[in-house]
Amino acid sequence: MKTLASQKIGETGIIKQVRDSVITPKLLDMGCLPGESVKVKYFAPLGDPICVHISGYDLVLLLSAAEKLELK
């Protein structure tokens, strides 16, 4: 299973689903909707958080949240 946290810089994926019912509403409000394309822009110097480009803007997520986003 491929998640957003496992992607490398520059890789693009399509969100398949959010795998955590607690954080799902927050991610959906931020534009992390199934079917959206998401591209990894960069990681912080120590690897956490991660910056991605989604829905026309940049979004910074903790790796723990990025692990909840399953990609196609």
C-alpha atoms as a PDB file:
ATOM      1  CA  MET A   1       0.000   0.000   0.000  1.00  0.00           C
ATOM      2  CA  LYS A   2       1.383   3.379  -1.042  1.00  0.00           C
ATOM      3  CA  THR A   3       0.905   6.405   1.225  1.00  0.00           C
ATOM      4  CA  LEU A   4       1.762  10.075   0.844  1.00  0.00           C
ATOM      5  CA  ALA A   5       4.490   9.712   3.489  1.00  0.00           C
ATOM      6  CA  SER A   6       6.263   7.066   1.362  1.00  0.00           C
ATOM      7  CA  GLN A   7       6.534   9.330  -1.710  1.00  0.00           C
ATOM      8  CA  LYS A   8       9.808  10.998  -2.665  1.00  0.00           C
ATOM      9  CA  ILE A   9      10.342  14.660  -3.589  1.00  0.00           C
ATOM     10  CA  GLY A  10       8.813  15.418  -6.989  1.00  0.00           C
ATOM     11  CA  GLU A  11       6.579  12.340  -7.087  1.00  0.00           C
ATOM     12  CA  THR A  12       2.881  12.749  -7.815  1.00  0.00           C
ATOM     13  CA  GLY A  13       0.010  10.530  -6.746  1.00  0.00           C
ATOM     14  CA  ILE A  14      -3.770  10.444  -6.673  1.00  0.00           C
ATOM     15  CA  ILE A  15      -5.491  10.238  -3.288  1.00  0.00           C
ATOM     16  CA  LYS A  16      -7.436   6.990  -3.011  1.00  0.00           C
ATOM     17  CA  GLN A  17      -8.744   7.300   0.550  1.00  0.00           C
ATOM     18  CA  VAL A  18      -8.071   8.631   4.032  1.00  0.00           C
ATOM     19  CA  ARG A  19      -7.491   5.717   6.424  1.00  0.00           C
ATOM     20  CA  ASP A  20      -8.231   7.375   9.791  1.00  0.00           C
ATOM     21  CA  SER A  21     -11.734   8.405  10.833  1.00  0.00           C
ATOM     22  CA  VAL A  22     -10.465  10.858  13.480  1.00  0.00           C
ATOM     23  CA  ILE A  23      -8.353  13.007  11.135  1.00  0.00           C
ATOM     24  CA  THR A  24     -10.485  12.523   7.993  1.00  0.00           C
ATOM     25  CA  PRO A  25     -12.689  15.652   8.417  1.00  0.00           C
ATOM     26  CA  LYS A  26      -9.635  17.873   8.923  1.00  0.00           C
ATOM     27  CA  LEU A  27      -7.840  16.503   5.852  1.00  0.00           C
ATOM     28  CA  LEU A  28     -10.990  16.805   3.740  1.00  0.00           C
ATOM     29  CA  ASP A  29     -11.399  20.443   4.833  1.00  0.00           C
ATOM     30  CA  MET A  30      -7.812  21.095   3.701  1.00  0.00           C
ATOM     31  CA  GLY A  31      -8.554  19.744   0.210  1.00  0.00           C
ATOM     32  CA  CYS A  32      -7.248  16.188   0.592  1.00  0.00           C
ATOM     33  CA  LEU A  33     -10.177  14.682  -1.267  1.00  0.00           C
ATOM     34  CA  PRO A  34     -10.217  11.288  -2.989  1.00  0.00           C
ATOM     35  CA  GLY A  35      -9.302  11.741  -6.649  1.00  0.00           C
ATOM     36  CA  GLU A  36      -7.130  14.835  -6.050  1.00  0.00           C
ATOM     37  CA  SER A  37      -3.611  14.879  -7.423  1.00  0.00           C
ATOM     38  CA  VAL A  38      -0.915  15.541  -4.832  1.00  0.00           C
ATOM     39  CA  LYS A  39       2.775  16.271  -5.474  1.00  0.00           C
ATOM     40  CA  VAL A  40       5.540  16.189  -2.852  1.00  0.00           C
ATOM     41  CA  LYS A  41       7.471  19.478  -2.898  1.00  0.00           C
ATOM     42  CA  TYR A  42       9.914  18.986  -0.030  1.00  0.00           C
ATOM     43  CA  PHE A  43      10.548  17.568   3.414  1.00  0.00           C
ATOM     44  CA  ALA A  44      11.732  19.610   6.397  1.00  0.00           C
ATOM     45  CA  PRO A  45      15.457  19.186   7.176  1.00  0.00           C
ATOM     46  CA  LEU A  46      14.793  16.466   9.760  1.00  0.00           C
ATOM     47  CA  GLY A  47      12.195  14.726   7.548  1.00  0.00           C
ATOM     48  CA  ASP A  48       9.035  15.948   9.281  1.00  0.00           C
ATOM     49  CA  PRO A  49       6.806  17.774   8.257  1.00  0.00           C
ATOM     50  CA  ILE A  50       6.241  17.318   4.533  1.00  0.00           C
ATOM     51  CA  CYS A  51       5.134  20.027   2.066  1.00  0.00           C
ATOM     52  CA  VAL A  52       2.831  18.985  -0.789  1.00  0.00           C
ATOM     53  CA  HIS A  53       1.044  20.775  -3.617  1.00  0.00           C
ATOM     54  CA  ILE A  54      -2.668  19.958  -3.764  1.00  0.00           C
ATOM     55  CA  SER A  55      -5.756  21.741  -5.112  1.00  0.00           C
ATOM     56  CA  GLY A  56      -3.696  24.707  -6.327  1.00  0.00           C
ATOM     57  CA  TYR A  57      -1.900  25.482  -3.072  1.00  0.00           C
ATOM     58  CA  ASP A  58       0.920  24.205  -0.861  1.00  0.00           C
ATOM     59  CA  LEU A  59       0.003  22.268   2.262  1.00  0.00           C
ATOM     60  CA  VAL A  60       2.323  21.266   5.097  1.00  0.00           C
ATOM     61  CA  LEU A  61       1.438  18.038   6.913  1.00  0.00           C
ATOM     62  CA  LEU A  62       3.055  16.027   9.667  1.00  0.00           C
ATOM     63  CA  LEU A  63       4.273  12.637   8.471  1.00  0.00           C
ATOM     64  CA  SER A  64       1.789  10.987  10.835  1.00  0.00           C
ATOM     65  CA  ALA A  65      -1.055  12.677   8.881  1.00  0.00           C
ATOM     66  CA  ALA A  66       0.577  11.956   5.504  1.00  0.00           C
ATOM     67  CA  GLU A  67       0.669   8.251   6.408  1.00  0.00           C
ATOM     68  CA  LYS A  68      -3.132   8.280   6.616  1.00  0.00           C
ATOM     69  CA  LEU A  69      -3.488   9.291   2.934  1.00  0.00           C
ATOM     70  CA  GLU A  70      -3.503   6.199   0.733  1.00  0.00           C
ATOM     71  CA  LEU A  71      -2.544   6.820  -2.914  1.00  0.00           C
ATOM     72  CA  LYS A  72      -3.377   5.030  -6.160  1.00  0.00           C
END
